[in-house]
Amino acid sequence: MKKRKIAAIGLVVLLISGVSVAYVASPTIHEGQVGEAPELGRAGPFPIGTNVQQFALDNRTEITGWGAVTGNLKETERALSVRFWYPAKAASGKPTQYKHVMRPPGKDPVALSSQGMALSDAEALTDAKYPLVLMSHGFGGWDTQFSNLAEHIASQGYIVASINHADKPIENAASFFLSFGNVLVDRTLDQRQILSMIIDKAQSETPAYAAQIDTDNIALVGYSMGGYGAIASAGAAYDFANDPMTNIPDDAQERMISATQKPLPIKALVTFAPWGGQPDSRVWNAENLAKIKVPALIVSGNQDDVVNFEEGVKWLYDKMTGSDRYMLVYREARHNIVGNHFDLDPDTAFTTAEFLKEPVWRSDRLNSINQHFVTAFLDMTLKGESDKASYLTVPTENSNDSAWPIGFGEQLNGKTAGAEQPDHWPGFQRRWAVGLELYHRTPDQ
């Protein structure tokens, strides 16, 4: 017994000695930033300002209840607001808090707020031109639902414009179909008119940040129905042979066909959980999807039961054969893979949580990963930073297969993988690249 005890003590001493020799603690990584965020998921160097502009879109139509029956459209002028974020001069002040009231059908209104880092109406930087990123939310969403992503992009040296599409409120089944019908018509038309008017503002140099827009380098980002509009805006004209597109009034179809004859002048496309590829309501054919020529990043959950990942999103990715495209997949995620984190009261109706949150993934984790990959993709496609392609060139399609050997007891303290770790997903911490898949296809592939 005595020999065993001595041996155990000796083993402990040996282990402690080994650890003391092998223990290597790197200095604090990214001081002041969220430690678990991947490398490009941390805020950039630019202070940012934010501002809201109003836009009047003429020559537009509206499907009313009576119009849905008769097929006649109401001629209207569509008034929308757009929230901008832009690189600003350093200034003191209270950062913006973004507020919104959700009104779930048949439920009490839910007040939501998200703390931002931008300063309202901060003075714009005027020392350089910055690429423009136009953002388009999903059905029933709003302009600041993804303010975290918008602020992050702006902090990296971009001007971001997020459309508030003002979808019609839903009170019952009839109003749902009426609202959704207008969304089918409005999304790409909104994106097209708003972008054209922003370019006009840039040329007139009003307001000051608009003068800094590099109109030769523009990206379009869309979530869900925003992605549906963005795919058409990027060059894939709609196919009206199937439901629900066949139910759109003829006059509205003609306007949509006319508008989508040419793609928007964009250089990059990002879609989160895009709607419209699923077989039961497919709105494109393969021939039209192949006409998209700009690089694309598609992000989706592999359990998305709203847009049908297996037969919808993957089909879109497969058929966009004219595009140099990437597909980032969150395993065990459903539809809400992008958007701010909101703290909800325990008594809040479940329909609200179901609209905003994921069953498995934390919102902040999704956000930081989205920010990482979107930054790499935009820097590569809009700024011409070819080195950022390394973050999209992963050694294994399944992130769980990443490998990063370390010495016994070695502590990395948040270090992210670089060229010295060729078998690990670039920009991710050791053991932290899990639950993800990333695919890449070149044109004609």
Protein backbone atom coordinates (compact mmCIF):
# COMPACT_ATOMS: atom_id res chain seq x y z
CA MET A 1 0.00 0.00 0.00
CA LYS A 2 2.86 2.31 0.88
CA LYS A 3 4.57 1.68 -2.47
CA ARG A 4 1.35 2.42 -4.35
CA LYS A 5 0.92 5.72 -2.47
CA ILE A 6 4.47 6.78 -3.20
CA ALA A 7 4.02 5.88 -6.86
CA ALA A 8 0.78 7.90 -7.08
CA ILE A 9 2.45 10.92 -5.51
CA GLY A 10 5.32 10.58 -7.95
CA LEU A 11 2.89 10.45 -10.87
CA VAL A 12 1.12 13.60 -9.70
CA VAL A 13 4.45 15.41 -9.34
CA LEU A 14 5.42 14.27 -12.82
CA LEU A 15 2.14 15.47 -14.29
CA ILE A 16 2.38 18.82 -12.55
CA SER A 17 5.95 19.15 -13.69
CA GLY A 18 4.95 18.24 -17.24
CA VAL A 19 2.17 20.79 -17.25
CA SER A 20 4.41 23.50 -15.90
CA VAL A 21 6.81 22.87 -18.75
CA ALA A 22 4.23 22.45 -21.53
CA TYR A 23 1.78 25.09 -20.38
CA VAL A 24 1.99 27.95 -22.86
CA ALA A 25 -0.46 30.81 -22.42
CA SER A 26 -0.70 33.19 -25.31
CA PRO A 27 -1.42 36.84 -24.55
CA THR A 28 -5.04 38.02 -24.47
CA ILE A 29 -6.48 37.76 -27.96
CA HIS A 30 -8.54 40.65 -29.29
CA GLU A 31 -8.80 42.65 -26.11
CA GLY A 32 -12.28 44.04 -25.56
CA GLN A 33 -13.90 41.73 -28.10
CA VAL A 34 -16.04 38.64 -27.60
CA GLY A 35 -13.49 35.88 -27.17
CA GLU A 36 -15.41 33.09 -28.88
CA ALA A 37 -16.18 35.04 -32.05
CA PRO A 38 -14.20 33.84 -35.07
CA GLU A 39 -11.52 36.19 -36.31
CA LEU A 40 -13.55 38.33 -38.72
CA GLY A 41 -16.63 38.23 -36.51
CA ARG A 42 -15.17 40.97 -34.31
CA ALA A 43 -15.98 44.63 -34.85
CA GLY A 44 -13.82 46.49 -37.36
CA PRO A 45 -11.77 49.67 -36.85
CA PHE A 46 -14.34 52.24 -38.02
CA PRO A 47 -16.63 54.19 -35.68
CA ILE A 48 -20.06 54.21 -37.26
CA GLY A 49 -23.01 56.53 -37.59
CA THR A 50 -26.61 55.77 -38.42
CA ASN A 51 -29.38 57.69 -40.11
CA VAL A 52 -32.88 57.05 -41.50
CA GLN A 53 -33.98 58.32 -44.90
CA GLN A 54 -37.45 58.31 -46.46
CA PHE A 55 -38.07 57.12 -50.02
CA ALA A 56 -41.17 57.57 -52.19
CA LEU A 57 -41.47 54.82 -54.82
CA ASP A 58 -43.74 55.86 -57.65
CA ASN A 59 -45.56 53.81 -60.29
CA ARG A 60 -46.31 50.99 -57.89
CA THR A 61 -49.36 48.82 -57.28
CA GLU A 62 -51.09 47.19 -54.35
CA ILE A 63 -53.17 44.03 -54.16
CA THR A 64 -56.28 44.80 -52.10
CA GLY A 65 -58.92 42.39 -50.87
CA TRP A 66 -61.21 43.30 -53.74
CA GLY A 67 -58.32 43.29 -56.16
CA ALA A 68 -57.47 39.72 -55.18
CA VAL A 69 -60.96 38.73 -56.29
CA THR A 70 -61.16 40.82 -59.48
CA GLY A 71 -57.51 40.72 -60.51
CA ASN A 72 -57.40 44.52 -60.60
CA LEU A 73 -54.61 46.39 -58.85
CA LYS A 74 -54.66 49.63 -56.95
CA GLU A 75 -52.18 52.17 -58.32
CA THR A 76 -50.19 53.68 -55.48
CA GLU A 77 -47.03 55.46 -54.39
CA ARG A 78 -45.13 53.25 -52.00
CA ALA A 79 -43.44 55.07 -49.10
CA LEU A 80 -40.56 53.25 -47.39
CA SER A 81 -37.81 54.15 -44.96
CA VAL A 82 -34.22 52.98 -45.18
CA ARG A 83 -31.81 52.78 -42.24
CA PHE A 84 -28.19 53.61 -43.13
CA TRP A 85 -24.99 52.79 -41.27
CA TYR A 86 -21.71 54.36 -42.39
CA PRO A 87 -18.09 54.95 -41.30
CA ALA A 88 -18.04 58.06 -39.13
CA LYS A 89 -15.60 60.37 -37.46
CA ALA A 90 -14.83 59.43 -33.88
CA ALA A 91 -17.32 61.13 -31.58
CA SER A 92 -18.73 60.79 -28.12
CA GLY A 93 -22.36 60.17 -27.40
CA LYS A 94 -24.89 57.55 -26.45
CA PRO A 95 -25.03 54.62 -28.88
CA THR A 96 -28.32 53.99 -30.63
CA GLN A 97 -30.88 51.62 -29.15
CA TYR A 98 -33.03 50.03 -31.82
CA LYS A 99 -36.66 49.51 -30.85
CA HIS A 100 -39.50 47.69 -32.56
CA VAL A 101 -42.96 46.44 -31.63
CA MET A 102 -43.97 43.04 -32.96
CA ARG A 103 -47.68 42.41 -33.33
CA PRO A 104 -48.27 38.64 -33.54
CA PRO A 105 -51.77 37.81 -34.83
CA GLY A 106 -54.20 37.41 -31.95
CA LYS A 107 -51.50 38.09 -29.33
CA ASP A 108 -50.39 41.06 -27.25
CA PRO A 109 -47.83 43.37 -28.88
CA VAL A 110 -44.22 42.61 -27.95
CA ALA A 111 -41.74 45.47 -27.44
CA LEU A 112 -38.25 44.54 -28.61
CA SER A 113 -35.01 46.44 -28.21
CA SER A 114 -31.43 45.87 -29.21
CA GLN A 115 -28.45 47.91 -28.08
CA GLY A 116 -26.29 49.11 -30.94
CA MET A 117 -22.89 50.77 -31.14
CA ALA A 118 -23.63 53.35 -33.84
CA LEU A 119 -24.19 57.03 -33.05
CA SER A 120 -27.25 58.67 -34.55
CA ASP A 121 -26.44 61.25 -37.24
CA ALA A 122 -22.70 61.07 -36.50
CA GLU A 123 -20.54 63.04 -38.93
CA ALA A 124 -19.53 60.85 -41.86
CA LEU A 125 -15.95 60.11 -42.81
CA THR A 126 -15.21 61.80 -46.12
CA ASP A 127 -11.68 60.60 -46.75
CA ALA A 128 -12.49 57.63 -48.98
CA LYS A 129 -15.13 55.78 -50.96
CA TYR A 130 -16.81 52.78 -49.34
CA PRO A 131 -18.67 49.86 -50.96
CA LEU A 132 -22.43 49.74 -50.50
CA VAL A 133 -24.36 46.81 -48.99
CA LEU A 134 -28.15 46.81 -49.49
CA MET A 135 -30.07 44.65 -46.99
CA SER A 136 -33.58 43.23 -47.36
CA HIS A 137 -35.46 41.54 -44.49
CA GLY A 138 -37.89 38.61 -44.50
CA PHE A 139 -41.69 38.45 -44.42
CA GLY A 140 -42.92 40.39 -41.39
CA GLY A 141 -39.43 41.62 -40.51
CA TRP A 142 -38.08 45.16 -40.19
CA ASP A 143 -35.03 47.27 -41.03
CA THR A 144 -33.13 46.91 -37.74
CA GLN A 145 -33.88 43.23 -37.13
CA PHE A 146 -30.29 42.53 -38.25
CA SER A 147 -28.69 45.72 -36.96
CA ASN A 148 -25.86 43.69 -35.44
CA LEU A 149 -24.83 42.42 -38.86
CA ALA A 150 -25.33 45.84 -40.45
CA GLU A 151 -23.24 47.60 -37.79
CA HIS A 152 -20.54 44.96 -38.08
CA ILE A 153 -20.30 45.36 -41.86
CA ALA A 154 -20.19 49.16 -41.53
CA SER A 155 -17.41 48.92 -38.93
CA GLN A 156 -15.32 47.10 -41.53
CA GLY A 157 -15.51 50.03 -43.95
CA TYR A 158 -18.83 49.75 -45.79
CA ILE A 159 -21.98 51.81 -46.12
CA VAL A 160 -25.03 49.67 -45.31
CA ALA A 161 -28.62 50.46 -46.28
CA SER A 162 -31.40 48.34 -44.78
CA ILE A 163 -34.87 48.61 -46.32
CA ASN A 164 -37.95 48.65 -44.12
CA HIS A 165 -40.38 46.94 -46.51
CA ALA A 166 -43.41 47.71 -44.31
CA ASP A 167 -45.21 44.44 -44.98
CA LYS A 168 -48.95 44.60 -44.40
CA PRO A 169 -49.96 43.52 -40.86
CA ILE A 170 -51.50 40.10 -40.35
CA GLU A 171 -54.64 39.60 -38.30
CA ASN A 172 -56.14 36.42 -39.73
CA ALA A 173 -55.78 33.92 -42.58
CA ALA A 174 -57.24 36.28 -45.17
CA SER A 175 -54.89 39.12 -44.25
CA PHE A 176 -51.95 36.68 -44.24
CA PHE A 177 -52.52 35.73 -47.88
CA LEU A 178 -53.09 39.35 -48.85
CA SER A 179 -49.89 40.47 -47.13
CA PHE A 180 -47.87 37.60 -48.58
CA GLY A 181 -49.22 38.28 -52.07
CA ASN A 182 -47.96 41.85 -51.90
CA VAL A 183 -44.58 40.64 -50.65
CA LEU A 184 -44.27 38.35 -53.68
CA VAL A 185 -44.75 41.38 -55.91
CA ASP A 186 -42.88 43.98 -53.88
CA ARG A 187 -39.54 42.52 -52.80
CA THR A 188 -37.44 42.77 -55.93
CA LEU A 189 -39.25 45.94 -57.05
CA ASP A 190 -38.43 47.59 -53.70
CA GLN A 191 -34.80 46.52 -53.96
CA ARG A 192 -34.48 47.81 -57.51
CA GLN A 193 -36.10 51.19 -56.92
CA ILE A 194 -34.36 51.82 -53.61
CA LEU A 195 -30.92 50.97 -55.02
CA SER A 196 -31.50 53.24 -58.02
CA MET A 197 -32.47 56.10 -55.72
CA ILE A 198 -29.47 55.51 -53.43
CA ILE A 199 -27.17 55.67 -56.45
CA ASP A 200 -28.84 58.97 -57.39
CA LYS A 201 -28.17 60.25 -53.87
CA ALA A 202 -24.53 59.23 -54.18
CA GLN A 203 -24.18 61.17 -57.41
CA SER A 204 -25.87 64.24 -55.89
CA GLU A 205 -23.69 63.86 -52.77
CA THR A 206 -26.64 64.26 -50.40
CA PRO A 207 -26.47 63.41 -47.53
CA ALA A 208 -22.73 63.52 -46.80
CA TYR A 209 -22.28 59.78 -46.32
CA ALA A 210 -24.04 59.11 -49.65
CA ALA A 211 -21.23 60.98 -51.40
CA GLN A 212 -18.82 58.35 -50.04
CA ILE A 213 -20.62 55.42 -51.67
CA ASP A 214 -18.54 53.52 -54.19
CA THR A 215 -21.29 52.80 -56.72
CA ASP A 216 -19.02 50.42 -58.64
CA ASN A 217 -18.94 48.00 -55.72
CA ILE A 218 -22.35 47.00 -54.41
CA ALA A 219 -23.62 43.86 -52.66
CA LEU A 220 -27.17 42.72 -51.98
CA VAL A 221 -28.03 40.80 -48.79
CA GLY A 222 -31.45 39.19 -48.35
CA TYR A 223 -33.04 36.96 -45.72
CA SER A 224 -35.92 34.58 -46.50
CA MET A 225 -38.35 36.65 -48.63
CA GLY A 226 -35.60 39.26 -48.88
CA GLY A 227 -33.50 36.46 -50.36
CA TYR A 228 -36.35 35.62 -52.74
CA GLY A 229 -36.26 39.20 -53.99
CA ALA A 230 -32.46 39.30 -54.05
CA ILE A 231 -32.10 36.23 -56.27
CA ALA A 232 -34.40 37.85 -58.83
CA SER A 233 -32.57 41.17 -58.46
CA ALA A 234 -29.29 39.37 -59.16
CA GLY A 235 -30.52 38.14 -62.53
CA ALA A 236 -32.88 35.16 -62.11
CA ALA A 237 -36.24 36.18 -63.58
CA TYR A 238 -39.31 34.59 -61.99
CA ASP A 239 -41.19 31.65 -63.50
CA PHE A 240 -44.95 32.22 -63.26
CA ALA A 241 -45.94 28.68 -64.24
CA ASN A 242 -46.45 27.41 -60.67
CA ASP A 243 -48.34 28.44 -57.55
CA PRO A 244 -48.17 30.84 -55.83
CA MET A 245 -46.84 32.93 -58.74
CA THR A 246 -49.76 32.00 -61.01
CA ASN A 247 -52.11 33.73 -58.55
CA ILE A 248 -50.41 37.11 -58.91
CA PRO A 249 -52.62 39.46 -60.98
CA ASP A 250 -51.57 39.71 -64.63
CA ASP A 251 -50.67 43.40 -64.44
CA ALA A 252 -48.36 42.78 -61.49
CA GLN A 253 -46.77 39.83 -63.30
CA GLU A 254 -46.06 42.05 -66.29
CA ARG A 255 -44.39 44.66 -64.09
CA MET A 256 -42.25 41.98 -62.41
CA ILE A 257 -41.27 40.48 -65.77
CA SER A 258 -40.32 43.89 -67.11
CA ALA A 259 -38.33 44.79 -63.99
CA THR A 260 -36.32 41.56 -63.92
CA GLN A 261 -35.12 41.74 -67.55
CA LYS A 262 -31.78 43.02 -66.26
CA PRO A 263 -29.91 42.28 -63.02
CA LEU A 264 -29.10 45.02 -60.57
CA PRO A 265 -25.56 46.47 -60.84
CA ILE A 266 -24.24 44.37 -57.96
CA LYS A 267 -20.97 42.49 -57.60
CA ALA A 268 -21.93 40.11 -54.80
CA LEU A 269 -25.03 38.33 -53.49
CA VAL A 270 -25.63 37.03 -49.95
CA THR A 271 -28.81 35.13 -49.13
CA PHE A 272 -29.80 33.75 -45.73
CA ALA A 273 -32.41 30.96 -45.89
CA PRO A 274 -33.75 32.12 -49.28
CA TRP A 275 -37.40 31.35 -50.03
CA GLY A 276 -38.55 30.16 -53.44
CA GLY A 277 -36.59 26.99 -54.23
CA GLN A 278 -38.88 24.49 -52.48
CA PRO A 279 -40.76 22.16 -54.87
CA ASP A 280 -44.25 22.99 -53.63
CA SER A 281 -43.83 26.70 -54.42
CA ARG A 282 -40.80 26.94 -56.71
CA VAL A 283 -40.55 30.35 -58.38
CA TRP A 284 -37.57 29.83 -60.70
CA ASN A 285 -36.44 27.36 -63.27
CA ALA A 286 -32.88 26.12 -63.63
CA GLU A 287 -32.29 28.09 -66.82
CA ASN A 288 -33.05 31.42 -65.14
CA LEU A 289 -31.03 30.63 -62.01
CA ALA A 290 -28.02 29.93 -64.22
CA LYS A 291 -28.18 33.54 -65.44
CA ILE A 292 -26.87 34.82 -62.08
CA LYS A 293 -23.23 35.65 -62.77
CA VAL A 294 -22.13 37.40 -59.57
CA PRO A 295 -20.41 35.51 -56.73
CA ALA A 296 -22.89 34.29 -54.13
CA LEU A 297 -22.86 33.19 -50.50
CA ILE A 298 -25.88 31.15 -49.43
CA VAL A 299 -26.39 30.51 -45.70
CA SER A 300 -28.92 28.01 -44.35
CA GLY A 301 -29.81 25.63 -41.55
CA ASN A 302 -29.98 21.99 -42.62
CA GLN A 303 -33.23 21.56 -40.68
CA ASP A 304 -34.96 24.57 -42.25
CA ASP A 305 -38.58 23.50 -42.61
CA VAL A 306 -39.77 26.91 -43.88
CA VAL A 307 -37.81 26.97 -47.15
CA ASN A 308 -36.97 23.25 -47.29
CA PHE A 309 -33.20 22.94 -47.07
CA GLU A 310 -32.83 19.58 -48.81
CA GLU A 311 -35.09 20.24 -51.80
CA GLY A 312 -35.16 24.05 -51.78
CA VAL A 313 -31.94 25.75 -50.67
CA LYS A 314 -29.65 23.01 -51.94
CA TRP A 315 -31.52 23.03 -55.25
CA LEU A 316 -30.91 26.79 -55.58
CA TYR A 317 -27.22 26.27 -54.82
CA ASP A 318 -26.97 23.45 -57.36
CA LYS A 319 -28.73 25.35 -60.16
CA MET A 320 -26.89 28.69 -59.85
CA THR A 321 -24.32 27.31 -62.25
CA GLY A 322 -23.27 30.70 -63.62
CA SER A 323 -22.05 31.85 -60.21
CA ASP A 324 -18.89 31.27 -58.19
CA ARG A 325 -20.84 30.29 -55.09
CA TYR A 326 -20.47 29.17 -51.50
CA MET A 327 -22.97 27.51 -49.17
CA LEU A 328 -22.54 27.75 -45.40
CA VAL A 329 -24.70 25.28 -43.48
CA TYR A 330 -25.60 25.28 -39.79
CA ARG A 331 -26.38 21.73 -38.74
CA GLU A 332 -29.51 21.29 -36.60
CA ALA A 333 -30.60 24.87 -37.36
CA ARG A 334 -33.98 25.84 -38.73
CA HIS A 335 -34.98 29.16 -40.33
CA ASN A 336 -33.92 31.91 -37.89
CA ILE A 337 -30.21 31.79 -38.57
CA VAL A 338 -29.68 35.56 -38.73
CA GLY A 339 -30.92 38.41 -36.58
CA ASN A 340 -30.36 40.20 -33.31
CA HIS A 341 -30.62 38.49 -29.95
CA PHE A 342 -33.68 39.63 -28.02
CA ASP A 343 -34.40 39.00 -24.35
CA LEU A 344 -38.03 37.94 -24.09
CA ASP A 345 -40.25 37.98 -21.05
CA PRO A 346 -40.96 34.42 -19.85
CA ASP A 347 -44.66 35.00 -20.49
CA THR A 348 -44.16 36.12 -24.09
CA ALA A 349 -46.25 34.10 -26.55
CA PHE A 350 -44.29 31.26 -28.08
CA THR A 351 -45.09 32.51 -31.59
CA THR A 352 -42.71 35.42 -30.95
CA ALA A 353 -39.85 33.18 -29.85
CA GLU A 354 -40.54 30.91 -32.81
CA PHE A 355 -40.17 33.89 -35.16
CA LEU A 356 -36.93 35.17 -33.61
CA LYS A 357 -34.96 32.31 -32.12
CA GLU A 358 -33.40 28.96 -32.93
CA PRO A 359 -34.12 25.76 -30.96
CA VAL A 360 -30.46 24.68 -30.78
CA TRP A 361 -28.11 27.51 -31.73
CA ARG A 362 -27.51 30.63 -29.61
CA SER A 363 -28.25 33.89 -31.41
CA ASP A 364 -24.93 35.47 -30.46
CA ARG A 365 -23.02 32.48 -31.80
CA LEU A 366 -24.91 32.56 -35.10
CA ASN A 367 -24.30 36.29 -35.35
CA SER A 368 -20.55 36.08 -34.86
CA ILE A 369 -20.16 33.29 -37.41
CA ASN A 370 -22.35 35.12 -39.94
CA GLN A 371 -20.30 38.27 -39.44
CA HIS A 372 -17.07 36.34 -39.96
CA PHE A 373 -18.07 34.77 -43.27
CA VAL A 374 -19.96 37.76 -44.67
CA THR A 375 -16.96 40.01 -43.95
CA ALA A 376 -14.57 37.61 -45.69
CA PHE A 377 -16.91 37.28 -48.69
CA LEU A 378 -17.55 41.02 -49.07
CA ASP A 379 -13.90 41.96 -48.62
CA MET A 380 -12.98 39.44 -51.29
CA THR A 381 -15.67 40.39 -53.82
CA LEU A 382 -16.10 44.15 -53.28
CA LYS A 383 -12.72 45.28 -52.01
CA GLY A 384 -10.62 42.89 -54.06
CA GLU A 385 -8.84 41.54 -50.98
CA SER A 386 -7.87 38.18 -52.43
CA ASP A 387 -6.29 37.02 -49.16
CA LYS A 388 -9.76 36.88 -47.59
CA ALA A 389 -10.51 33.90 -49.84
CA SER A 390 -8.49 31.84 -47.36
CA TYR A 391 -11.32 32.12 -44.83
CA LEU A 392 -13.69 30.55 -47.37
CA THR A 393 -11.21 27.86 -48.38
CA VAL A 394 -11.64 25.28 -45.66
CA PRO A 395 -9.65 22.03 -45.42
CA THR A 396 -12.74 19.95 -44.63
CA GLU A 397 -16.35 20.55 -45.73
CA ASN A 398 -17.46 19.31 -42.29
CA SER A 399 -16.03 21.62 -39.63
CA ASN A 400 -16.03 18.78 -37.08
CA ASP A 401 -13.25 17.13 -39.05
CA SER A 402 -10.91 20.07 -38.42
CA ALA A 403 -7.63 19.14 -36.74
CA TRP A 404 -5.30 21.33 -34.65
CA PRO A 405 -2.73 19.34 -32.64
CA ILE A 406 -1.26 21.03 -29.57
CA GLY A 407 1.27 20.13 -26.91
CA PHE A 408 0.23 18.62 -23.60
CA GLY A 409 -1.23 21.33 -21.37
CA GLU A 410 -0.82 24.04 -24.03
CA GLN A 411 -3.29 26.88 -23.61
CA LEU A 412 -4.17 28.95 -26.70
CA ASN A 413 -6.38 31.58 -25.01
CA GLY A 414 -8.57 32.29 -28.00
CA LYS A 415 -5.95 32.05 -30.72
CA THR A 416 -7.53 31.58 -34.14
CA ALA A 417 -6.30 29.25 -36.85
CA GLY A 418 -4.04 30.68 -39.53
CA ALA A 419 -1.58 29.35 -42.09
CA GLU A 420 0.22 27.38 -39.35
CA GLN A 421 -2.92 25.29 -38.79
CA PRO A 422 -3.66 24.04 -42.33
CA ASP A 423 -6.05 21.30 -41.17
CA HIS A 424 -8.35 23.60 -39.20
CA TRP A 425 -11.04 26.03 -40.42
CA PRO A 426 -9.25 29.41 -40.79
CA GLY A 427 -10.18 32.09 -38.29
CA PHE A 428 -11.78 29.71 -35.78
CA GLN A 429 -10.46 28.77 -32.37
CA ARG A 430 -9.36 25.21 -31.71
CA ARG A 431 -12.36 23.00 -30.81
CA TRP A 432 -14.73 25.87 -31.72
CA ALA A 433 -15.28 25.03 -35.38
CA VAL A 434 -18.18 22.62 -34.90
CA GLY A 435 -21.65 22.09 -36.30
CA LEU A 436 -20.87 23.74 -39.65
CA GLU A 437 -20.44 22.77 -43.27
CA LEU A 438 -19.05 24.91 -46.10
CA TYR A 439 -19.28 24.09 -49.79
CA HIS A 440 -17.86 25.82 -52.87
CA ARG A 441 -18.61 25.48 -56.55
CA THR A 442 -17.17 27.42 -59.45
CA PRO A 443 -19.23 28.50 -62.49
CA ASP A 444 -20.49 25.60 -64.64
CA GLN A 445 -19.89 23.23 -61.72
